Protein backbone atom coordinates (compact mmCIF):
# COMPACT_ATOMS: atom_id res chain seq x y z
CA MET A 1 -16.40 -5.18 -8.18
CA PRO A 2 -19.55 -4.64 -6.09
CA SER A 3 -19.74 -1.22 -4.45
CA GLY A 4 -21.62 -2.20 -1.29
CA ASP A 5 -24.87 -1.00 0.24
CA GLY A 6 -25.94 2.48 1.22
CA GLN A 7 -24.77 4.41 -1.82
CA GLN A 8 -25.42 8.13 -1.63
CA LYS A 9 -25.69 10.71 -4.38
CA ILE A 10 -22.53 12.79 -4.70
CA THR A 11 -23.07 16.37 -3.58
CA PRO A 12 -20.41 18.79 -4.90
CA MET A 13 -18.51 21.13 -2.63
CA SER A 14 -17.74 24.53 -4.18
CA SER A 15 -14.43 25.52 -2.58
CA PRO A 16 -11.19 24.17 -4.15
CA LEU A 17 -9.16 21.69 -2.14
CA ARG A 18 -5.44 21.17 -1.69
CA HIS A 19 -4.56 17.52 -2.20
CA ALA A 20 -1.44 15.59 -1.21
CA VAL A 21 -0.75 12.01 -2.30
CA LEU A 22 1.57 9.89 -0.16
CA GLY A 23 2.70 6.96 -2.29
CA ALA A 24 3.94 7.31 -5.87
CA GLY A 25 3.07 3.83 -7.14
CA GLY A 26 0.33 2.80 -9.53
CA VAL A 27 -2.63 3.94 -7.43
CA GLY A 28 -0.98 7.08 -6.08
CA GLY A 29 0.26 8.08 -9.51
CA LEU A 30 -3.19 7.53 -11.02
CA MET A 31 -4.89 9.59 -8.31
CA ALA A 32 -2.33 12.41 -8.50
CA ALA A 33 -2.47 12.55 -12.30
CA CYS A 34 -6.28 12.52 -12.45
CA LEU A 35 -6.68 15.10 -9.69
CA ALA A 36 -4.13 17.40 -11.36
CA HIS A 37 -5.80 16.87 -14.76
CA SER A 38 -9.00 18.11 -13.10
CA ASP A 39 -7.15 21.34 -12.17
CA ALA A 40 -6.82 20.46 -8.50
CA SER A 41 -3.80 21.51 -6.45
CA VAL A 42 -1.76 18.31 -5.99
CA THR A 43 1.50 17.55 -4.17
CA LEU A 44 3.08 14.13 -4.63
CA VAL A 45 4.99 13.13 -1.48
CA LEU A 46 8.14 11.15 -2.30
CA ARG A 47 10.96 9.49 -0.42
CA PRO A 48 13.77 12.04 0.16
CA GLU A 49 16.20 9.98 -1.92
CA SER A 50 13.77 10.00 -4.86
CA LEU A 51 12.81 13.66 -4.77
CA ALA A 52 15.75 15.18 -6.66
CA HIS A 53 15.46 12.82 -9.62
CA TYR A 54 11.69 12.43 -9.86
CA PRO A 55 10.13 13.89 -13.04
CA GLU A 56 8.33 17.20 -12.73
CA ARG A 57 5.44 15.87 -14.82
CA LEU A 58 3.36 12.74 -14.45
CA GLN A 59 2.55 10.76 -17.57
CA LEU A 60 -0.65 8.69 -17.53
CA GLU A 61 -1.73 6.09 -20.07
CA SER A 62 -5.37 5.25 -19.44
CA ARG A 63 -8.71 4.51 -21.02
CA PHE A 64 -9.62 7.84 -19.44
CA GLY A 65 -7.09 9.49 -21.78
CA ASN A 66 -3.34 9.77 -22.25
CA PHE A 67 -1.92 12.97 -20.80
CA THR A 68 0.91 14.53 -18.85
CA VAL A 69 0.39 16.91 -15.94
CA SER A 70 2.58 18.93 -13.61
CA VAL A 71 2.40 18.25 -9.87
CA SER A 72 4.26 19.70 -6.93
CA ARG A 73 6.72 17.35 -5.24
CA ALA A 74 7.84 17.21 -1.62
CA ALA A 75 9.56 14.91 0.85
CA GLU A 76 7.10 15.78 3.61
CA VAL A 77 3.33 16.12 3.60
CA PRO A 78 2.55 19.82 3.16
CA PRO A 79 -0.46 21.61 4.69
CA CYS A 80 -3.44 20.26 2.76
CA ASP A 81 -7.15 19.64 2.94
CA VAL A 82 -6.93 15.99 1.87
CA LEU A 83 -4.09 13.50 2.19
CA TRP A 84 -4.56 10.40 0.03
CA LEU A 85 -2.61 7.46 1.46
CA THR A 86 -1.72 5.12 -1.40
CA VAL A 87 1.30 3.22 -0.09
CA LYS A 88 1.49 -0.56 0.25
CA ALA A 89 0.26 -1.89 3.58
CA THR A 90 3.77 -3.22 4.20
CA GLN A 91 5.12 0.35 3.95
CA LEU A 92 2.45 2.20 5.90
CA GLU A 93 4.15 2.79 9.23
CA SER A 94 7.50 3.82 7.74
CA SER A 95 5.84 6.11 5.20
CA LEU A 96 4.00 8.02 7.93
CA ALA A 97 7.35 9.56 8.91
CA ALA A 98 6.61 12.01 6.08
CA LEU A 99 3.56 13.25 7.98
CA THR A 100 5.49 15.50 10.35
CA HIS A 101 2.64 17.94 11.03
CA PRO A 102 -0.65 16.00 11.06
CA GLU A 103 -2.41 19.00 12.54
CA SER A 104 -1.96 20.77 9.17
CA VAL A 105 -3.89 18.03 7.32
CA GLY A 106 -7.65 18.32 7.15
CA ALA A 107 -8.51 14.69 6.39
CA ILE A 108 -6.69 11.46 5.58
CA VAL A 109 -8.19 9.13 2.97
CA PRO A 110 -6.42 5.74 2.97
CA LEU A 111 -6.68 3.62 -0.19
CA LEU A 112 -4.84 0.60 1.18
CA ASN A 113 -5.75 -3.04 0.82
CA GLY A 114 -7.07 -4.68 3.96
CA ILE A 115 -8.87 -3.38 7.04
CA ASP A 116 -6.40 -3.24 9.91
CA HIS A 117 -4.84 0.05 8.78
CA LEU A 118 -7.94 1.96 9.86
CA SER A 119 -7.47 1.23 13.56
CA LEU A 120 -3.77 2.11 13.29
CA LEU A 121 -4.49 5.45 11.62
CA ARG A 122 -7.33 6.33 13.98
CA GLY A 123 -5.12 5.53 16.93
CA LYS A 124 -2.41 7.89 15.68
CA TYR A 125 -4.47 10.76 14.27
CA GLY A 126 -7.96 10.48 15.73
CA LYS A 127 -11.15 8.98 14.37
CA ASP A 128 -12.54 12.21 12.91
CA LYS A 129 -9.53 12.81 10.64
CA ILE A 130 -9.79 9.44 8.86
CA ILE A 131 -12.20 8.97 5.95
CA PRO A 132 -12.25 5.25 5.05
CA ALA A 133 -12.24 4.48 1.33
CA THR A 134 -11.48 1.69 -1.11
CA ILE A 135 -10.33 1.63 -4.71
CA GLY A 136 -10.68 -1.15 -7.26
CA VAL A 137 -8.31 -0.72 -10.19
CA GLU A 138 -5.29 -2.21 -11.94
CA SER A 139 -2.77 0.59 -12.25
CA GLU A 140 1.00 0.23 -12.41
CA ARG A 141 4.01 2.52 -12.23
CA VAL A 142 6.20 1.34 -15.11
CA ALA A 143 8.85 4.02 -14.47
CA PRO A 144 9.14 7.01 -12.13
CA GLY A 145 6.37 9.40 -13.09
CA HIS A 146 4.96 7.05 -15.75
CA ILE A 147 1.68 5.34 -14.82
CA VAL A 148 -0.27 2.82 -16.88
CA HIS A 149 -3.91 2.29 -15.91
CA ARG A 150 -4.62 -1.17 -17.31
CA SER A 151 -8.15 -2.02 -16.14
CA VAL A 152 -11.27 -0.79 -17.89
CA PHE A 153 -12.60 0.32 -14.49
CA ALA A 154 -11.58 2.47 -11.55
CA LEU A 155 -14.06 2.08 -8.71
CA LEU A 156 -13.70 4.52 -5.83
CA ASN A 157 -15.88 4.03 -2.75
CA VAL A 158 -15.68 6.55 0.08
CA SER A 159 -17.35 6.59 3.47
CA SER A 160 -20.28 8.97 3.58
CA THR A 161 -18.48 10.82 6.40
CA GLY A 162 -16.43 12.41 3.61
CA ARG A 163 -19.34 13.52 1.46
CA ALA A 164 -19.29 17.21 2.43
CA LEU A 165 -15.53 17.49 1.90
CA LEU A 166 -15.05 15.33 -1.18
CA GLY A 167 -18.25 15.83 -3.17
CA THR A 168 -16.65 18.03 -5.85
CA THR A 169 -13.54 15.86 -6.03
CA LEU A 170 -15.51 12.69 -6.70
CA GLU A 171 -17.68 14.48 -9.23
CA GLN A 172 -14.54 15.55 -11.12
CA LEU A 173 -13.13 12.03 -11.04
CA GLN A 174 -16.42 10.68 -12.36
CA ARG A 175 -16.19 13.04 -15.32
CA LEU A 176 -12.85 11.45 -16.16
CA GLY A 177 -14.29 7.94 -16.02
CA PHE A 178 -14.07 6.81 -12.39
CA ASP A 179 -17.07 5.04 -10.86
CA CYS A 180 -17.49 6.87 -7.53
CA HIS A 181 -19.85 6.26 -4.63
CA PHE A 182 -20.34 7.42 -1.06
CA ILE A 183 -21.15 4.48 1.21
CA ASP A 184 -23.00 4.62 4.54
CA ASP A 185 -21.91 1.22 5.87
CA GLU A 186 -18.14 1.43 6.43
CA LEU A 187 -17.73 -2.15 7.61
CA THR A 188 -19.54 -3.56 4.59
CA MET A 189 -17.58 -1.31 2.24
CA MET A 190 -14.24 -2.42 3.64
CA TRP A 191 -15.10 -6.13 3.76
CA THR A 192 -16.57 -6.12 0.25
CA LYS A 193 -13.25 -4.89 -1.13
CA LEU A 194 -11.25 -7.27 1.06
CA ILE A 195 -13.28 -10.31 -0.01
CA PHE A 196 -12.88 -9.46 -3.66
CA ILE A 197 -9.15 -8.76 -3.33
CA ALA A 198 -8.55 -11.91 -1.30
CA GLY A 199 -10.12 -14.20 -3.88
CA PHE A 200 -8.38 -12.48 -6.79
CA ALA A 201 -4.99 -11.62 -5.29
CA LEU A 202 -4.39 -14.83 -3.37
CA THR A 203 -5.39 -17.06 -6.28
CA SER A 204 -3.52 -15.10 -8.94
CA THR A 205 -0.40 -14.98 -6.78
CA ALA A 206 -0.49 -18.65 -5.85
CA SER A 207 -1.15 -19.73 -9.44
CA GLY A 208 0.97 -17.10 -11.22
CA MET A 209 -1.86 -16.69 -13.73
CA ALA A 210 -4.07 -13.91 -15.07
CA THR A 211 -7.81 -14.09 -14.34
CA ALA A 212 -8.99 -16.01 -17.41
CA ASP A 213 -6.25 -18.62 -17.13
CA MET A 214 -6.74 -19.34 -13.43
CA LEU A 215 -10.53 -19.56 -13.82
CA ALA A 216 -10.03 -22.07 -16.64
CA VAL A 217 -8.09 -24.46 -14.36
CA PRO A 218 -10.55 -26.35 -12.11
CA GLU A 219 -8.21 -26.48 -9.10
CA TRP A 220 -7.50 -22.74 -9.08
CA ARG A 221 -11.11 -21.85 -9.87
CA GLN A 222 -12.31 -23.96 -6.95
CA LEU A 223 -9.76 -22.45 -4.57
CA GLY A 224 -10.49 -18.90 -5.68
CA LEU A 225 -14.26 -19.22 -5.38
CA GLY A 226 -13.85 -21.11 -2.11
CA CYS A 227 -11.75 -18.26 -0.74
CA LEU A 228 -14.46 -15.77 -1.72
CA ARG A 229 -17.11 -17.77 0.12
CA GLU A 230 -14.91 -18.25 3.19
CA ALA A 231 -14.04 -14.55 3.37
CA SER A 232 -17.74 -13.68 2.98
CA ALA A 233 -18.64 -15.98 5.89
CA VAL A 234 -16.05 -14.28 8.09
CA ALA A 235 -17.28 -10.84 7.01
CA VAL A 236 -20.85 -11.69 7.99
CA ALA A 237 -19.64 -12.98 11.35
CA GLU A 238 -17.80 -9.68 11.84
CA GLY A 239 -21.02 -7.73 11.19
CA ALA A 240 -20.73 -6.82 7.51
CA ARG A 241 -23.71 -7.18 5.18
CA VAL A 242 -22.23 -8.95 2.17
CA ASP A 243 -23.69 -11.26 -0.46
CA ALA A 244 -21.20 -13.96 -1.43
CA ASP A 245 -23.12 -14.90 -4.57
CA ALA A 246 -23.15 -11.29 -5.80
CA ILE A 247 -19.42 -10.89 -5.14
CA ILE A 248 -18.65 -14.14 -6.96
CA ALA A 249 -20.84 -13.10 -9.90
CA GLY A 250 -18.87 -9.84 -10.12
CA ALA A 251 -15.55 -11.67 -9.89
CA LEU A 252 -16.50 -14.00 -12.73
CA LYS A 253 -17.14 -10.97 -14.98
CA MET A 254 -13.64 -9.56 -14.48
CA PRO A 255 -11.55 -8.97 -17.63
CA GLY A 256 -9.47 -12.04 -18.38
CA ASN A 257 -6.10 -10.31 -18.53
CA LEU A 258 -5.96 -8.85 -15.00
CA ARG A 259 -3.04 -9.57 -12.71
CA SER A 260 -2.98 -8.57 -9.06
CA SER A 261 -0.47 -6.22 -7.47
CA MET A 262 0.40 -8.97 -4.96
CA GLN A 263 1.23 -11.28 -7.85
CA LYS A 264 3.48 -8.63 -9.39
CA ASP A 265 5.18 -7.96 -6.04
CA VAL A 266 6.05 -11.64 -5.58
CA GLU A 267 7.34 -11.87 -9.15
CA ARG A 268 9.58 -8.85 -8.50
CA GLY A 269 10.78 -10.23 -5.18
CA SER A 270 9.09 -7.43 -3.21
CA PRO A 271 7.29 -8.09 0.10
CA PRO A 272 3.63 -8.83 -0.69
CA GLU A 273 0.65 -7.55 1.29
CA LEU A 274 -0.14 -11.07 2.42
CA ASP A 275 -1.02 -10.29 6.03
CA ALA A 276 -3.06 -7.21 5.08
CA VAL A 277 -5.20 -9.27 2.69
CA ALA A 278 -5.34 -12.72 4.27
CA GLY A 279 -4.72 -11.79 7.91
CA PRO A 280 -8.19 -10.37 8.74
CA ILE A 281 -9.83 -13.44 7.20
CA LEU A 282 -7.65 -15.94 9.04
CA ARG A 283 -7.86 -14.11 12.37
CA GLY A 284 -11.60 -13.56 12.02
CA ALA A 285 -12.11 -17.21 11.15
CA SER A 286 -10.24 -18.21 14.28
CA ARG A 287 -12.34 -15.87 16.45
CA HIS A 288 -15.63 -17.17 15.07
CA GLY A 289 -14.75 -20.83 14.61
CA ILE A 290 -15.12 -20.74 10.81
CA GLU A 291 -13.23 -23.22 8.63
CA VAL A 292 -11.29 -21.57 5.80
CA PRO A 293 -9.38 -24.39 4.04
CA ALA A 294 -9.19 -22.73 0.61
CA THR A 295 -7.78 -19.51 2.05
CA LYS A 296 -5.21 -21.41 4.10
CA LYS A 297 -4.13 -23.45 1.07
CA LEU A 298 -3.64 -20.33 -1.05
CA VAL A 299 -1.68 -18.59 1.72
CA ALA A 300 0.55 -21.64 2.16
CA ALA A 301 1.26 -21.72 -1.59
CA ILE A 302 2.22 -18.04 -1.56
CA GLU A 303 4.41 -18.44 1.52
CA LYS A 304 6.21 -21.29 -0.27
CA LYS A 305 6.84 -19.00 -3.25
CA ILE A 306 8.14 -16.23 -1.00
CA ALA A 307 10.50 -18.63 0.78
CA ARG A 308 12.13 -19.47 -2.56
CA LEU A 309 12.87 -15.82 -3.39
């Protein structure tokens, strides 16, 4: 997945940080396990009903290594330097009930799909507390406390506003195998991830196929690549500096066995992040008078699947 323009060299910060991770799914579990494996102080924030029965140790299976680590657990966000938000977009507002004392949190780093969550978080907690970031990875919680990192990559892009705070953290994650960058252009960073996710997630969910299979079927390949181009056109109209051809070239190099989290959610009967992923494209297209037929067709196919659940 392309990392966007304006990459900056990571500059380590010497003082240790206290991390909290709100969201114990595939991404949150991966982040918590990797941070703890790097000897960081990590608290995993869980739903109150899950806290008593949640394992004391996280187990990670990954190309970065298979290991188990101990993490603190809590039902509320404790005082911390960094809060990583890793919940689904559909769960964001309800999950923020765990953030009872936002003044005790130094910075919030959301790793959600989409774009709209940034304005919501900035409205609640102030612009300076939010450090925009994106993650590209296939990681799944197969059981409480058991995380399987399936993709060969884990790409973490963070706004350069977080460089002073998170330099050491990203350096430690790089040592484990993450591909980490600080990005100057927030809008381009966010849209680059959204474009990529839209083409992949919407097509895989509508088709029910892994990457290689859907790219081998002309109809799904055409819809997926069409969605990427449509989303890129909207992004440019919104002010992002994206290259549709480069994003498509990256998408075509994806491992053939990948399946999107949206696809898995629909298969499980869970609410998918359809509005978070497709909504900014559809609403932006309407604002700018851009035709997005492939995106609309994929969304309609997914809505039909959801209606049958």
